Amino acid sequence: MSDQPIAHGRRRAIKLALGGVVAIPLANVLLRTPAGAAKTISPSNPIAKQLKYVEKSTTKGELCSNCKYYGGGGKAGSCQLMQGQMVLAAGWCSAWASA
């Protein structure tokens, strides 16, 4: 018997595995939605309701943009408490904490 088919199959498997290692991070970068294009969470969302999220803060000095849970960004950014969903920088919720 010849080792040719086994060696060929092993090489192919290694090539496919290496291709997957490269393809997964590349797909992640290509499929990621830019922060400016992402939709912000609605105040009617169950999580937002529970945290009393509003899109415009009425509490002096307390904004999503200066909260420790805010992920940064321009007019909107991700919030750890909103399961990574986007919140407006000018927003506020009852879980606001100084950064």
PDB file of N, CA and C in Angstrom:
ATOM      1  N   MET A   1       0.837  -1.188   0.000  1.00  0.00           N
ATOM      2  CA  MET A   1       0.000   0.000   0.000  1.00  0.00           C
ATOM      3  C   MET A   1       0.874   1.240   0.000  1.00  0.00           C
ATOM      4  N   SER A   2       0.355   2.271  -0.571  1.00  0.00           N
ATOM      5  CA  SER A   2       1.095   3.514  -0.694  1.00  0.00           C
ATOM      6  C   SER A   2       0.615   4.522   0.357  1.00  0.00           C
ATOM      7  N   ASP A   3       1.546   5.366   0.829  1.00  0.00           N
ATOM      8  CA  ASP A   3       1.201   6.417   1.786  1.00  0.00           C
ATOM      9  C   ASP A   3       0.728   7.685   1.085  1.00  0.00           C
ATOM     10  N   GLN A   4       0.704   7.682  -0.222  1.00  0.00           N
ATOM     11  CA  GLN A   4       0.336   8.862  -0.993  1.00  0.00           C
ATOM     12  C   GLN A   4      -1.040   9.423  -0.610  1.00  0.00           C
ATOM     13  N   PRO A   5      -2.128   8.639  -0.597  1.00  0.00           N
ATOM     14  CA  PRO A   5      -3.447   9.211  -0.290  1.00  0.00           C
ATOM     15  C   PRO A   5      -3.513   9.781   1.135  1.00  0.00           C
ATOM     16  N   ILE A   6      -2.869   9.128   2.090  1.00  0.00           N
ATOM     17  CA  ILE A   6      -2.890   9.605   3.474  1.00  0.00           C
ATOM     18  C   ILE A   6      -2.142  10.920   3.587  1.00  0.00           C
ATOM     19  N   ALA A   7      -0.952  10.999   2.996  1.00  0.00           N
ATOM     20  CA  ALA A   7      -0.158  12.226   3.061  1.00  0.00           C
ATOM     21  C   ALA A   7      -0.894  13.373   2.378  1.00  0.00           C
ATOM     22  N   HIS A   8      -1.517  13.085   1.244  1.00  0.00           N
ATOM     23  CA  HIS A   8      -2.263  14.116   0.526  1.00  0.00           C
ATOM     24  C   HIS A   8      -3.433  14.611   1.376  1.00  0.00           C
ATOM     25  N   GLY A   9      -4.146  13.693   2.015  1.00  0.00           N
ATOM     26  CA  GLY A   9      -5.276  14.052   2.870  1.00  0.00           C
ATOM     27  C   GLY A   9      -4.835  14.859   4.079  1.00  0.00           C
ATOM     28  N   ARG A  10      -3.696  14.515   4.650  1.00  0.00           N
ATOM     29  CA  ARG A  10      -3.171  15.227   5.811  1.00  0.00           C
ATOM     30  C   ARG A  10      -2.786  16.654   5.423  1.00  0.00           C
ATOM     31  N   ARG A  11      -2.120  16.799   4.274  1.00  0.00           N
ATOM     32  CA  ARG A  11      -1.735  18.128   3.793  1.00  0.00           C
ATOM     33  C   ARG A  11      -2.957  19.000   3.553  1.00  0.00           C
ATOM     34  N   ARG A  12      -3.967  18.399   2.962  1.00  0.00           N
ATOM     35  CA  ARG A  12      -5.202  19.141   2.687  1.00  0.00           C
ATOM     36  C   ARG A  12      -5.869  19.584   3.993  1.00  0.00           C
ATOM     37  N   ALA A  13      -5.902  18.704   4.976  1.00  0.00           N
ATOM     38  CA  ALA A  13      -6.499  19.038   6.271  1.00  0.00           C
ATOM     39  C   ALA A  13      -5.747  20.186   6.937  1.00  0.00           C
ATOM     40  N   ILE A  14      -4.425  20.167   6.856  1.00  0.00           N
ATOM     41  CA  ILE A  14      -3.610  21.238   7.452  1.00  0.00           C
ATOM     42  C   ILE A  14      -3.874  22.557   6.730  1.00  0.00           C
ATOM     43  N   LYS A  15      -3.961  22.518   5.414  1.00  0.00           N
ATOM     44  CA  LYS A  15      -4.248  23.730   4.651  1.00  0.00           C
ATOM     45  C   LYS A  15      -5.611  24.307   5.019  1.00  0.00           C
ATOM     46  N   LEU A  16      -6.611  23.444   5.142  1.00  0.00           N
ATOM     47  CA  LEU A  16      -7.948  23.899   5.512  1.00  0.00           C
ATOM     48  C   LEU A  16      -7.956  24.500   6.924  1.00  0.00           C
ATOM     49  N   ALA A  17      -7.236  23.871   7.839  1.00  0.00           N
ATOM     50  CA  ALA A  17      -7.173  24.379   9.214  1.00  0.00           C
ATOM     51  C   ALA A  17      -6.497  25.745   9.249  1.00  0.00           C
ATOM     52  N   LEU A  18      -5.403  25.900   8.521  1.00  0.00           N
ATOM     53  CA  LEU A  18      -4.712  27.190   8.471  1.00  0.00           C
ATOM     54  C   LEU A  18      -5.587  28.250   7.806  1.00  0.00           C
ATOM     55  N   GLY A  19      -6.320  27.859   6.797  1.00  0.00           N
ATOM     56  CA  GLY A  19      -7.241  28.795   6.151  1.00  0.00           C
ATOM     57  C   GLY A  19      -8.312  29.266   7.116  1.00  0.00           C
ATOM     58  N   GLY A  20      -8.807  28.373   7.942  1.00  0.00           N
ATOM     59  CA  GLY A  20      -9.797  28.737   8.951  1.00  0.00           C
ATOM     60  C   GLY A  20      -9.232  29.680   9.991  1.00  0.00           C
ATOM     61  N   VAL A  21      -7.986  29.450  10.391  1.00  0.00           N
ATOM     62  CA  VAL A  21      -7.334  30.319  11.380  1.00  0.00           C
ATOM     63  C   VAL A  21      -7.228  31.741  10.841  1.00  0.00           C
ATOM     64  N   VAL A  22      -6.994  31.880   9.554  1.00  0.00           N
ATOM     65  CA  VAL A  22      -6.893  33.205   8.937  1.00  0.00           C
ATOM     66  C   VAL A  22      -8.283  33.777   8.658  1.00  0.00           C
ATOM     67  N   ALA A  23      -9.211  32.945   8.234  1.00  0.00           N
ATOM     68  CA  ALA A  23     -10.537  33.421   7.816  1.00  0.00           C
ATOM     69  C   ALA A  23     -11.391  33.932   8.969  1.00  0.00           C
ATOM     70  N   ILE A  24     -11.304  33.324  10.127  1.00  0.00           N
ATOM     71  CA  ILE A  24     -12.162  33.725  11.247  1.00  0.00           C
ATOM     72  C   ILE A  24     -11.894  35.166  11.685  1.00  0.00           C
ATOM     73  N   PRO A  25     -10.644  35.564  11.988  1.00  0.00           N
ATOM     74  CA  PRO A  25     -10.428  36.964  12.361  1.00  0.00           C
ATOM     75  C   PRO A  25     -10.759  37.934  11.222  1.00  0.00           C
ATOM     76  N   LEU A  26     -10.478  37.540  10.003  1.00  0.00           N
ATOM     77  CA  LEU A  26     -10.778  38.394   8.858  1.00  0.00           C
ATOM     78  C   LEU A  26     -12.285  38.618   8.734  1.00  0.00           C
ATOM     79  N   ALA A  27     -13.059  37.566   8.889  1.00  0.00           N
ATOM     80  CA  ALA A  27     -14.515  37.691   8.826  1.00  0.00           C
ATOM     81  C   ALA A  27     -15.029  38.586   9.950  1.00  0.00           C
ATOM     82  N   ASN A  28     -14.435  38.473  11.122  1.00  0.00           N
ATOM     83  CA  ASN A  28     -14.831  39.304  12.254  1.00  0.00           C
ATOM     84  C   ASN A  28     -14.637  40.780  11.938  1.00  0.00           C
ATOM     85  N   VAL A  29     -13.521  41.122  11.331  1.00  0.00           N
ATOM     86  CA  VAL A  29     -13.238  42.513  10.963  1.00  0.00           C
ATOM     87  C   VAL A  29     -14.195  42.994   9.876  1.00  0.00           C
ATOM     88  N   LEU A  30     -14.427  42.171   8.877  1.00  0.00           N
ATOM     89  CA  LEU A  30     -15.269  42.568   7.759  1.00  0.00           C
ATOM     90  C   LEU A  30     -16.745  42.677   8.126  1.00  0.00           C
ATOM     91  N   LEU A  31     -17.198  41.859   9.063  1.00  0.00           N
ATOM     92  CA  LEU A  31     -18.612  41.843   9.411  1.00  0.00           C
ATOM     93  C   LEU A  31     -18.969  42.796  10.547  1.00  0.00           C
ATOM     94  N   ARG A  32     -17.965  43.350  11.199  1.00  0.00           N
ATOM     95  CA  ARG A  32     -18.222  44.266  12.311  1.00  0.00           C
ATOM     96  C   ARG A  32     -18.863  45.540  11.786  1.00  0.00           C
ATOM     97  N   THR A  33     -19.922  45.980  12.431  1.00  0.00           N
ATOM     98  CA  THR A  33     -20.620  47.189  12.024  1.00  0.00           C
ATOM     99  C   THR A  33     -19.900  48.400  12.599  1.00  0.00           C
ATOM    100  N   PRO A  34     -19.603  49.410  11.787  1.00  0.00           N
ATOM    101  CA  PRO A  34     -18.967  50.615  12.311  1.00  0.00           C
ATOM    102  C   PRO A  34     -19.855  51.277  13.361  1.00  0.00           C
ATOM    103  N   ALA A  35     -19.233  51.882  14.376  1.00  0.00           N
ATOM    104  CA  ALA A  35     -19.971  52.466  15.494  1.00  0.00           C
ATOM    105  C   ALA A  35     -20.985  53.508  15.022  1.00  0.00           C
ATOM    106  N   GLY A  36     -20.646  54.311  14.049  1.00  0.00           N
ATOM    107  CA  GLY A  36     -21.553  55.341  13.572  1.00  0.00           C
ATOM    108  C   GLY A  36     -22.781  54.779  12.882  1.00  0.00           C
ATOM    109  N   ALA A  37     -22.678  53.582  12.317  1.00  0.00           N
ATOM    110  CA  ALA A  37     -23.781  53.005  11.574  1.00  0.00           C
ATOM    111  C   ALA A  37     -24.676  52.116  12.437  1.00  0.00           C
ATOM    112  N   ALA A  38     -24.215  51.779  13.629  1.00  0.00           N
ATOM    113  CA  ALA A  38     -24.984  50.894  14.487  1.00  0.00           C
ATOM    114  C   ALA A  38     -26.191  51.618  15.078  1.00  0.00           C
ATOM    115  N   LYS A  39     -27.257  50.885  15.270  1.00  0.00           N
ATOM    116  CA  LYS A  39     -28.458  51.462  15.871  1.00  0.00           C
ATOM    117  C   LYS A  39     -28.280  51.514  17.380  1.00  0.00           C
ATOM    118  N   THR A  40     -28.815  52.565  17.977  1.00  0.00           N
ATOM    119  CA  THR A  40     -28.760  52.680  19.429  1.00  0.00           C
ATOM    120  C   THR A  40     -29.944  51.941  20.041  1.00  0.00           C
ATOM    121  N   ILE A  41     -29.777  51.563  21.282  1.00  0.00           N
ATOM    122  CA  ILE A  41     -30.836  50.844  21.992  1.00  0.00           C
ATOM    123  C   ILE A  41     -32.034  51.768  22.198  1.00  0.00           C
ATOM    124  N   SER A  42     -33.193  51.216  22.094  1.00  0.00           N
ATOM    125  CA  SER A  42     -34.420  51.982  22.296  1.00  0.00           C
ATOM    126  C   SER A  42     -34.742  52.048  23.786  1.00  0.00           C
ATOM    127  N   PRO A  43     -35.215  53.183  24.262  1.00  0.00           N
ATOM    128  CA  PRO A  43     -35.630  53.263  25.665  1.00  0.00           C
ATOM    129  C   PRO A  43     -36.738  52.267  26.019  1.00  0.00           C
ATOM    130  N   SER A  44     -37.436  51.748  25.012  1.00  0.00           N
ATOM    131  CA  SER A  44     -38.492  50.766  25.264  1.00  0.00           C
ATOM    132  C   SER A  44     -37.959  49.330  25.358  1.00  0.00           C
ATOM    133  N   ASN A  45     -36.664  49.130  25.079  1.00  0.00           N
ATOM    134  CA  ASN A  45     -36.036  47.821  25.217  1.00  0.00           C
ATOM    135  C   ASN A  45     -36.159  47.388  26.683  1.00  0.00           C
ATOM    136  N   PRO A  46     -36.445  46.106  26.953  1.00  0.00           N
ATOM    137  CA  PRO A  46     -36.610  45.652  28.336  1.00  0.00           C
ATOM    138  C   PRO A  46     -35.421  45.971  29.255  1.00  0.00           C
ATOM    139  N   ILE A  47     -34.208  45.823  28.750  1.00  0.00           N
ATOM    140  CA  ILE A  47     -33.024  46.139  29.563  1.00  0.00           C
ATOM    141  C   ILE A  47     -32.980  47.632  29.843  1.00  0.00           C
ATOM    142  N   ALA A  48     -33.209  48.430  28.813  1.00  0.00           N
ATOM    143  CA  ALA A  48     -33.201  49.885  28.960  1.00  0.00           C
ATOM    144  C   ALA A  48     -34.292  50.340  29.921  1.00  0.00           C
ATOM    145  N   LYS A  49     -35.450  49.724  29.840  1.00  0.00           N
ATOM    146  CA  LYS A  49     -36.546  50.065  30.752  1.00  0.00           C
ATOM    147  C   LYS A  49     -36.168  49.768  32.194  1.00  0.00           C
ATOM    148  N   GLN A  50     -35.557  48.603  32.397  1.00  0.00           N
ATOM    149  CA  GLN A  50     -35.173  48.198  33.748  1.00  0.00           C
ATOM    150  C   GLN A  50     -34.168  49.188  34.344  1.00  0.00           C
ATOM    151  N   LEU A  51     -33.271  49.713  33.501  1.00  0.00           N
ATOM    152  CA  LEU A  51     -32.251  50.656  33.969  1.00  0.00           C
ATOM    153  C   LEU A  51     -32.703  52.110  33.822  1.00  0.00           C
ATOM    154  N   LYS A  52     -33.945  52.320  33.418  1.00  0.00           N
ATOM    155  CA  LYS A  52     -34.535  53.657  33.262  1.00  0.00           C
ATOM    156  C   LYS A  52     -33.712  54.531  32.310  1.00  0.00           C
ATOM    157  N   TYR A  53     -33.242  53.910  31.227  1.00  0.00           N
ATOM    158  CA  TYR A  53     -32.423  54.615  30.233  1.00  0.00           C
ATOM    159  C   TYR A  53     -33.236  55.692  29.511  1.00  0.00           C
ATOM    160  N   VAL A  54     -32.632  56.868  29.379  1.00  0.00           N
ATOM    161  CA  VAL A  54     -33.207  57.950  28.576  1.00  0.00           C
ATOM    162  C   VAL A  54     -32.141  58.408  27.589  1.00  0.00           C
ATOM    163  N   GLU A  55     -32.567  58.892  26.442  1.00  0.00           N
ATOM    164  CA  GLU A  55     -31.621  59.289  25.406  1.00  0.00           C
ATOM    165  C   GLU A  55     -30.976  60.647  25.665  1.00  0.00           C
ATOM    166  N   LYS A  56     -31.564  61.437  26.571  1.00  0.00           N
ATOM    167  CA  LYS A  56     -30.980  62.726  26.910  1.00  0.00           C
ATOM    168  C   LYS A  56     -31.044  62.892  28.431  1.00  0.00           C
ATOM    169  N   SER A  57     -29.858  62.965  29.035  1.00  0.00           N
ATOM    170  CA  SER A  57     -29.767  63.063  30.487  1.00  0.00           C
ATOM    171  C   SER A  57     -30.344  64.383  30.996  1.00  0.00           C
ATOM    172  N   THR A  58     -31.051  64.292  32.115  1.00  0.00           N
ATOM    173  CA  THR A  58     -31.530  65.495  32.803  1.00  0.00           C
ATOM    174  C   THR A  58     -30.809  65.653  34.144  1.00  0.00           C
ATOM    175  N   THR A  59     -29.864  64.750  34.408  1.00  0.00           N
ATOM    176  CA  THR A  59     -29.095  64.789  35.642  1.00  0.00           C
ATOM    177  C   THR A  59     -27.766  65.485  35.365  1.00  0.00           C
ATOM    178  N   LYS A  60     -27.536  66.599  36.040  1.00  0.00           N
ATOM    179  CA  LYS A  60     -26.343  67.414  35.796  1.00  0.00           C
ATOM    180  C   LYS A  60     -25.058  66.603  36.014  1.00  0.00           C
ATOM    181  N   GLY A  61     -24.205  66.635  34.996  1.00  0.00           N
ATOM    182  CA  GLY A  61     -22.898  65.984  35.077  1.00  0.00           C
ATOM    183  C   GLY A  61     -22.902  64.478  34.908  1.00  0.00           C
ATOM    184  N   GLU A  62     -24.061  63.875  34.724  1.00  0.00           N
ATOM    185  CA  GLU A  62     -24.150  62.430  34.542  1.00  0.00           C
ATOM    186  C   GLU A  62     -24.639  62.124  33.125  1.00  0.00           C
ATOM    187  N   LEU A  63     -23.716  61.657  32.305  1.00  0.00           N
ATOM    188  CA  LEU A  63     -24.011  61.282  30.919  1.00  0.00           C
ATOM    189  C   LEU A  63     -23.450  59.893  30.670  1.00  0.00           C
ATOM    190  N   CYS A  64     -23.996  59.212  29.697  1.00  0.00           N
ATOM    191  CA  CYS A  64     -23.421  57.917  29.323  1.00  0.00           C
ATOM    192  C   CYS A  64     -21.941  58.083  28.963  1.00  0.00           C
ATOM    193  N   SER A  65     -21.608  59.187  28.312  1.00  0.00           N
ATOM    194  CA  SER A  65     -20.229  59.401  27.858  1.00  0.00           C
ATOM    195  C   SER A  65     -19.215  59.500  28.994  1.00  0.00           C
ATOM    196  N   ASN A  66     -19.655  59.831  30.235  1.00  0.00           N
ATOM    197  CA  ASN A  66     -18.698  59.876  31.344  1.00  0.00           C
ATOM    198  C   ASN A  66     -18.996  58.808  32.399  1.00  0.00           C
ATOM    199  N   CYS A  67     -19.689  57.757  31.982  1.00  0.00           N
ATOM    200  CA  CYS A  67     -20.005  56.621  32.859  1.00  0.00           C
ATOM    201  C   CYS A  67     -18.929  55.552  32.682  1.00  0.00           C
ATOM    202  N   LYS A  68     -18.636  54.842  33.757  1.00  0.00           N
ATOM    203  CA  LYS A  68     -17.598  53.809  33.674  1.00  0.00           C
ATOM    204  C   LYS A  68     -17.996  52.613  32.812  1.00  0.00           C
ATOM    205  N   TYR A  69     -19.258  52.456  32.522  1.00  0.00           N
ATOM    206  CA  TYR A  69     -19.718  51.332  31.704  1.00  0.00           C
ATOM    207  C   TYR A  69     -19.773  51.661  30.210  1.00  0.00           C
ATOM    208  N   TYR A  70     -19.517  52.904  29.861  1.00  0.00           N
ATOM    209  CA  TYR A  70     -19.588  53.355  28.466  1.00  0.00           C
ATOM    210  C   TYR A  70     -18.326  52.930  27.731  1.00  0.00           C
ATOM    211  N   GLY A  71     -18.505  52.392  26.540  1.00  0.00           N
ATOM    212  CA  GLY A  71     -17.383  51.876  25.760  1.00  0.00           C
ATOM    213  C   GLY A  71     -16.699  52.902  24.883  1.00  0.00           C
ATOM    214  N   GLY A  72     -17.125  54.135  24.923  1.00  0.00           N
ATOM    215  CA  GLY A  72     -16.495  55.173  24.109  1.00  0.00           C
ATOM    216  C   GLY A  72     -17.110  55.273  22.740  1.00  0.00           C
ATOM    217  N   GLY A  73     -16.821  56.364  22.099  1.00  0.00           N
ATOM    218  CA  GLY A  73     -17.357  56.617  20.772  1.00  0.00           C
ATOM    219  C   GLY A  73     -17.722  58.074  20.632  1.00  0.00           C
ATOM    220  N   GLY A  74     -18.227  58.447  19.494  1.00  0.00           N
ATOM    221  CA  GLY A  74     -18.625  59.824  19.237  1.00  0.00           C
ATOM    222  C   GLY A  74     -19.969  60.134  19.857  1.00  0.00           C
ATOM    223  N   LYS A  75     -21.003  60.118  19.032  1.00  0.00           N
ATOM    224  CA  LYS A  75     -22.355  60.411  19.513  1.00  0.00           C
ATOM    225  C   LYS A  75     -22.989  59.211  20.206  1.00  0.00           C
ATOM    226  N   ALA A  76     -22.423  58.034  19.988  1.00  0.00           N
ATOM    227  CA  ALA A  76     -22.937  56.812  20.603  1.00  0.00           C
ATOM    228  C   ALA A  76     -21.787  55.838  20.833  1.00  0.00           C
ATOM    229  N   GLY A  77     -21.973  54.966  21.789  1.00  0.00           N
ATOM    230  CA  GLY A  77     -20.968  53.951  22.081  1.00  0.00           C
ATOM    231  C   GLY A  77     -21.618  52.767  22.772  1.00  0.00           C
ATOM    232  N   SER A  78     -20.852  51.709  22.933  1.00  0.00           N
ATOM    233  CA  SER A  78     -21.408  50.512  23.559  1.00  0.00           C
ATOM    234  C   SER A  78     -21.485  50.683  25.070  1.00  0.00           C
ATOM    235  N   CYS A  79     -22.409  49.971  25.673  1.00  0.00           N
ATOM    236  CA  CYS A  79     -22.596  50.008  27.126  1.00  0.00           C
ATOM    237  C   CYS A  79     -22.530  48.578  27.648  1.00  0.00           C
ATOM    238  N   GLN A  80     -21.686  48.356  28.649  1.00  0.00           N
ATOM    239  CA  GLN A  80     -21.549  47.019  29.221  1.00  0.00           C
ATOM    240  C   GLN A  80     -22.852  46.538  29.852  1.00  0.00           C
ATOM    241  N   LEU A  81     -23.607  47.440  30.446  1.00  0.00           N
ATOM    242  CA  LEU A  81     -24.844  47.057  31.120  1.00  0.00           C
ATOM    243  C   LEU A  81     -25.984  46.774  30.150  1.00  0.00           C
ATOM    244  N   MET A  82     -25.894  47.320  28.969  1.00  0.00           N
ATOM    245  CA  MET A  82     -26.929  47.104  27.946  1.00  0.00           C
ATOM    246  C   MET A  82     -26.513  45.965  27.023  1.00  0.00           C
ATOM    247  N   GLN A  83     -25.723  45.056  27.538  1.00  0.00           N
ATOM    248  CA  GLN A  83     -25.226  43.892  26.802  1.00  0.00           C
ATOM    249  C   GLN A  83     -24.471  44.292  25.543  1.00  0.00           C
ATOM    250  N   GLY A  84     -23.671  45.362  25.646  1.00  0.00           N
ATOM    251  CA  GLY A  84     -22.841  45.801  24.536  1.00  0.00           C
ATOM    252  C   GLY A  84     -23.578  46.571  23.458  1.00  0.00           C
ATOM    253  N   GLN A  85     -24.862  46.811  23.638  1.00  0.00           N
ATOM    254  CA  GLN A  85     -25.616  47.569  22.649  1.00  0.00           C
ATOM    255  C   GLN A  85     -25.219  49.043  22.733  1.00  0.00           C
ATOM    256  N   MET A  86     -25.497  49.763  21.678  1.00  0.00           N
ATOM    257  CA  MET A  86     -25.122  51.167  21.594  1.00  0.00           C
ATOM    258  C   MET A  86     -26.097  52.044  22.378  1.00  0.00           C
ATOM    259  N   VAL A  87     -25.533  53.027  23.092  1.00  0.00           N
ATOM    260  CA  VAL A  87     -26.328  54.040  23.791  1.00  0.00           C
ATOM    261  C   VAL A  87     -25.836  55.400  23.329  1.00  0.00           C
ATOM    262  N   LEU A  88     -26.680  56.398  23.425  1.00  0.00           N
ATOM    263  CA  LEU A  88     -26.275  57.746  23.049  1.00  0.00           C
ATOM    264  C   LEU A  88     -25.350  58.320  24.120  1.00  0.00           C
ATOM    265  N   ALA A  89     -24.316  59.038  23.691  1.00  0.00           N
ATOM    266  CA  ALA A  89     -23.362  59.649  24.621  1.00  0.00           C
ATOM    267  C   ALA A  89     -24.061  60.608  25.569  1.00  0.00           C
ATOM    268  N   ALA A  90     -25.127  61.272  25.094  1.00  0.00           N
ATOM    269  CA  ALA A  90     -25.866  62.235  25.902  1.00  0.00           C
ATOM    270  C   ALA A  90     -26.911  61.571  26.791  1.00  0.00           C
ATOM    271  N   GLY A  91     -27.015  60.237  26.731  1.00  0.00           N
ATOM    272  CA  GLY A  91     -28.016  59.516  27.493  1.00  0.00           C
ATOM    273  C   GLY A  91     -27.653  59.357  28.960  1.00  0.00           C
ATOM    274  N   TRP A  92     -28.518  58.646  29.681  1.00  0.00           N
ATOM    275  CA  TRP A  92     -28.319  58.391  31.109  1.00  0.00           C
ATOM    276  C   TRP A  92     -29.157  57.178  31.502  1.00  0.00           C
ATOM    277  N   CYS A  93     -28.719  56.455  32.540  1.00  0.00           N
ATOM    278  CA  CYS A  93     -29.544  55.397  33.134  1.00  0.00           C
ATOM    279  C   CYS A  93     -29.296  55.380  34.639  1.00  0.00           C
ATOM    280  N   SER A  94     -30.140  54.645  35.347  1.00  0.00           N
ATOM    281  CA  SER A  94     -30.067  54.617  36.799  1.00  0.00           C
ATOM    282  C   SER A  94     -28.809  53.927  37.340  1.00  0.00           C
ATOM    283  N   ALA A  95     -28.082  53.224  36.499  1.00  0.00           N
ATOM    284  CA  ALA A  95     -26.859  52.546  36.928  1.00  0.00           C
ATOM    285  C   ALA A  95     -25.608  53.396  36.663  1.00  0.00           C
ATOM    286  N   TRP A  96     -25.783  54.668  36.312  1.00  0.00           N
ATOM    287  CA  TRP A  96     -24.643  55.528  35.993  1.00  0.00           C
ATOM    288  C   TRP A  96     -23.647  55.497  37.143  1.00  0.00           C
ATOM    289  N   ALA A  97     -22.358  55.390  36.794  1.00  0.00           N
ATOM    290  CA  ALA A  97     -21.279  55.385  37.782  1.00  0.00           C
ATOM    291  C   ALA A  97     -20.115  56.191  37.231  1.00  0.00           C
ATOM    292  N   SER A  98     -19.492  56.963  38.066  1.00  0.00           N
ATOM    293  CA  SER A  98     -18.373  57.814  37.656  1.00  0.00           C
ATOM    294  C   SER A  98     -17.233  56.979  37.085  1.00  0.00           C
ATOM    295  N   ALA A  99     -16.692  57.449  36.000  1.00  0.00           N
ATOM    296  CA  ALA A  99     -15.606  56.707  35.328  1.00  0.00           C
ATOM    297  C   ALA A  99     -14.295  56.815  36.043  1.00  0.00           C
TER     298      ALA A  99
END
